[in-house]
C-alpha atoms as a PDB file:
ATOM      1  CA  UNK A   1      24.374 -13.804  15.522  1.00  0.00           C
ATOM      2  CA  UNK A   2      23.122 -10.774  17.461  1.00  0.00           C
ATOM      3  CA  UNK A   3      19.497  -9.686  17.683  1.00  0.00           C
ATOM      4  CA  UNK A   4      18.420  -6.959  15.206  1.00  0.00           C
ATOM      5  CA  UNK A   5      17.577  -4.457  17.990  1.00  0.00           C
ATOM      6  CA  UNK A   6      21.078  -4.882  19.428  1.00  0.00           C
ATOM      7  CA  UNK A   7      22.771  -3.794  16.213  1.00  0.00           C
ATOM      8  CA  UNK A   8      22.405  -0.761  14.011  1.00  0.00           C
ATOM      9  CA  UNK A   9      23.606  -0.218  10.492  1.00  0.00           C
ATOM     10  CA  UNK A  10      25.033   3.261   9.883  1.00  0.00           C
ATOM     11  CA  UNK A  11      25.656   4.610  13.382  1.00  0.00           C
ATOM     12  CA  UNK A  12      24.461   4.381  16.954  1.00  0.00           C
ATOM     13  CA  UNK A  13      21.892   7.181  17.065  1.00  0.00           C
ATOM     14  CA  UNK A  14      19.022   4.810  18.033  1.00  0.00           C
ATOM     15  CA  UNK A  15      20.776   2.255  20.235  1.00  0.00           C
ATOM     16  CA  UNK A  16      21.318   4.728  23.076  1.00  0.00           C
ATOM     17  CA  UNK A  17      17.595   5.312  23.660  1.00  0.00           C
ATOM     18  CA  UNK A  18      15.839   3.545  26.540  1.00  0.00           C
ATOM     19  CA  UNK A  19      13.133   2.590  24.035  1.00  0.00           C
ATOM     20  CA  UNK A  20      14.253   2.551  20.420  1.00  0.00           C
ATOM     21  CA  UNK A  21      11.945   4.409  18.023  1.00  0.00           C
ATOM     22  CA  UNK A  22      11.192   1.173  16.125  1.00  0.00           C
ATOM     23  CA  UNK A  23       9.991  -0.499  19.335  1.00  0.00           C
ATOM     24  CA  UNK A  24       7.683   2.427  20.121  1.00  0.00           C
ATOM     25  CA  UNK A  25       6.436   2.686  16.520  1.00  0.00           C
ATOM     26  CA  UNK A  26       5.714  -1.033  16.161  1.00  0.00           C
ATOM     27  CA  UNK A  27       4.344  -1.405  19.689  1.00  0.00           C
ATOM     28  CA  UNK A  28       1.812   1.365  19.071  1.00  0.00           C
ATOM     29  CA  UNK A  29       1.005   0.343  15.481  1.00  0.00           C
ATOM     30  CA  UNK A  30       1.767   3.787  14.113  1.00  0.00           C
ATOM     31  CA  UNK A  31       1.431   4.657  10.451  1.00  0.00           C
ATOM     32  CA  UNK A  32       4.363   5.285   8.125  1.00  0.00           C
ATOM     33  CA  UNK A  33       4.120   9.085   8.468  1.00  0.00           C
ATOM     34  CA  UNK A  34       3.706   8.957  12.260  1.00  0.00           C
ATOM     35  CA  UNK A  35       6.640   6.584  12.634  1.00  0.00           C
ATOM     36  CA  UNK A  36       8.958   8.621  10.443  1.00  0.00           C
ATOM     37  CA  UNK A  37       8.113  11.828  12.312  1.00  0.00           C
ATOM     38  CA  UNK A  38       8.996  10.135  15.607  1.00  0.00           C
ATOM     39  CA  UNK A  39      12.171   8.624  14.164  1.00  0.00           C
ATOM     40  CA  UNK A  40      13.469  11.974  12.910  1.00  0.00           C
ATOM     41  CA  UNK A  41      12.579  13.850  16.108  1.00  0.00           C
ATOM     42  CA  UNK A  42      14.354  11.220  18.199  1.00  0.00           C
ATOM     43  CA  UNK A  43      17.582  11.253  16.241  1.00  0.00           C
ATOM     44  CA  UNK A  44      18.031  14.943  15.369  1.00  0.00           C
ATOM     45  CA  UNK A  45      20.512  15.712  18.178  1.00  0.00           C
ATOM     46  CA  UNK A  46      22.735  12.763  17.306  1.00  0.00           C
ATOM     47  CA  UNK A  47      22.582  12.698  13.524  1.00  0.00           C
ATOM     48  CA  UNK A  48      21.424  15.414  11.110  1.00  0.00           C
ATOM     49  CA  UNK A  49      20.211  18.256  13.341  1.00  0.00           C
ATOM     50  CA  UNK A  50      17.946  20.744  11.610  1.00  0.00           C
ATOM     51  CA  UNK A  51      17.489  18.529   8.547  1.00  0.00           C
ATOM     52  CA  UNK A  52      15.947  15.779  10.686  1.00  0.00           C
ATOM     53  CA  UNK A  53      13.508  18.272  12.247  1.00  0.00           C
ATOM     54  CA  UNK A  54      12.579  19.477   8.752  1.00  0.00           C
ATOM     55  CA  UNK A  55      11.972  15.868   7.703  1.00  0.00           C
ATOM     56  CA  UNK A  56       9.779  15.289  10.774  1.00  0.00           C
ATOM     57  CA  UNK A  57       7.758  18.407   9.921  1.00  0.00           C
ATOM     58  CA  UNK A  58       7.414  17.194   6.333  1.00  0.00           C
ATOM     59  CA  UNK A  59       5.975  13.860   7.482  1.00  0.00           C
ATOM     60  CA  UNK A  60       3.582  15.642   9.836  1.00  0.00           C
ATOM     61  CA  UNK A  61       2.453  17.880   6.959  1.00  0.00           C
ATOM     62  CA  UNK A  62       1.859  14.772   4.851  1.00  0.00           C
ATOM     63  CA  UNK A  63      -0.127  13.260   7.712  1.00  0.00           C
ATOM     64  CA  UNK A  64      -2.301  16.380   7.930  1.00  0.00           C
ATOM     65  CA  UNK A  65      -2.894  16.412   4.179  1.00  0.00           C
ATOM     66  CA  UNK A  66      -3.706  12.709   3.961  1.00  0.00           C
ATOM     67  CA  UNK A  67      -5.796  12.268   7.103  1.00  0.00           C
ATOM     68  CA  UNK A  68      -7.245  15.725   7.717  1.00  0.00           C
ATOM     69  CA  UNK A  69      -7.686  17.422   4.342  1.00  0.00           C
ATOM     70  CA  UNK A  70      -8.965  20.973   4.411  1.00  0.00           C
ATOM     71  CA  UNK A  71     -12.284  21.628   2.708  1.00  0.00           C
ATOM     72  CA  UNK A  72     -12.071  23.679  -0.495  1.00  0.00           C
ATOM     73  CA  UNK A  73     -12.391  27.431  -0.061  1.00  0.00           C
ATOM     74  CA  UNK A  74     -14.953  29.600  -1.744  1.00  0.00           C
ATOM     75  CA  UNK A  75     -13.514  31.759  -4.538  1.00  0.00           C
ATOM     76  CA  UNK A  76     -15.829  34.643  -3.612  1.00  0.00           C
ATOM     77  CA  UNK A  77     -14.960  34.415   0.099  1.00  0.00           C
ATOM     78  CA  UNK A  78     -11.527  32.874   0.754  1.00  0.00           C
ATOM     79  CA  UNK A  79     -12.165  32.554   4.476  1.00  0.00           C
ATOM     80  CA  UNK A  80     -14.956  29.982   4.575  1.00  0.00           C
ATOM     81  CA  UNK A  81     -15.614  26.607   2.992  1.00  0.00           C
ATOM     82  CA  UNK A  82     -18.311  26.558   0.327  1.00  0.00           C
ATOM     83  CA  UNK A  83     -21.906  26.327   1.427  1.00  0.00           C
ATOM     84  CA  UNK A  84     -24.848  24.796  -0.342  1.00  0.00           C
ATOM     85  CA  UNK A  85     -25.925  28.166  -1.780  1.00  0.00           C
ATOM     86  CA  UNK A  86     -22.485  29.653  -2.541  1.00  0.00           C
ATOM     87  CA  UNK A  87     -21.022  30.190  -5.996  1.00  0.00           C
ATOM     88  CA  UNK A  88     -17.610  28.619  -5.372  1.00  0.00           C
ATOM     89  CA  UNK A  89     -14.677  27.206  -7.323  1.00  0.00           C
ATOM     90  CA  UNK A  90     -16.305  27.218 -10.735  1.00  0.00           C
ATOM     91  CA  UNK A  91     -19.650  25.800  -9.637  1.00  0.00           C
ATOM     92  CA  UNK A  92     -22.865  27.690  -9.450  1.00  0.00           C
ATOM     93  CA  UNK A  93     -24.608  26.082  -6.512  1.00  0.00           C
ATOM     94  CA  UNK A  94     -26.892  29.092  -6.149  1.00  0.00           C
ATOM     95  CA  UNK A  95     -28.407  28.544  -9.622  1.00  0.00           C
ATOM     96  CA  UNK A  96     -31.411  26.261  -9.634  1.00  0.00           C
ATOM     97  CA  UNK A  97     -32.081  24.485 -12.904  1.00  0.00           C
ATOM     98  CA  UNK A  98     -35.795  24.331 -13.666  1.00  0.00           C
END
């Protein structure tokens, strides 16, 4: 029986690389989103072209959303995150209850 890295189910788009994406992903302990982005970037020329690049971008967008979420924006000023004294997103932080 051959070793798993020597065979590929569904094509040969990974076997031709000097370092297969799975070896790089596992060796560097990458997350699911990071690994999928690398996998799709590596194979795009030999498998699904533009669709693989779109999938890689999707996983990178997920990574941004999950690991680097943007702070909420102020309703009154859509360019800056809310401050302690701003009236933003349905809250009235500027009102002081006595």
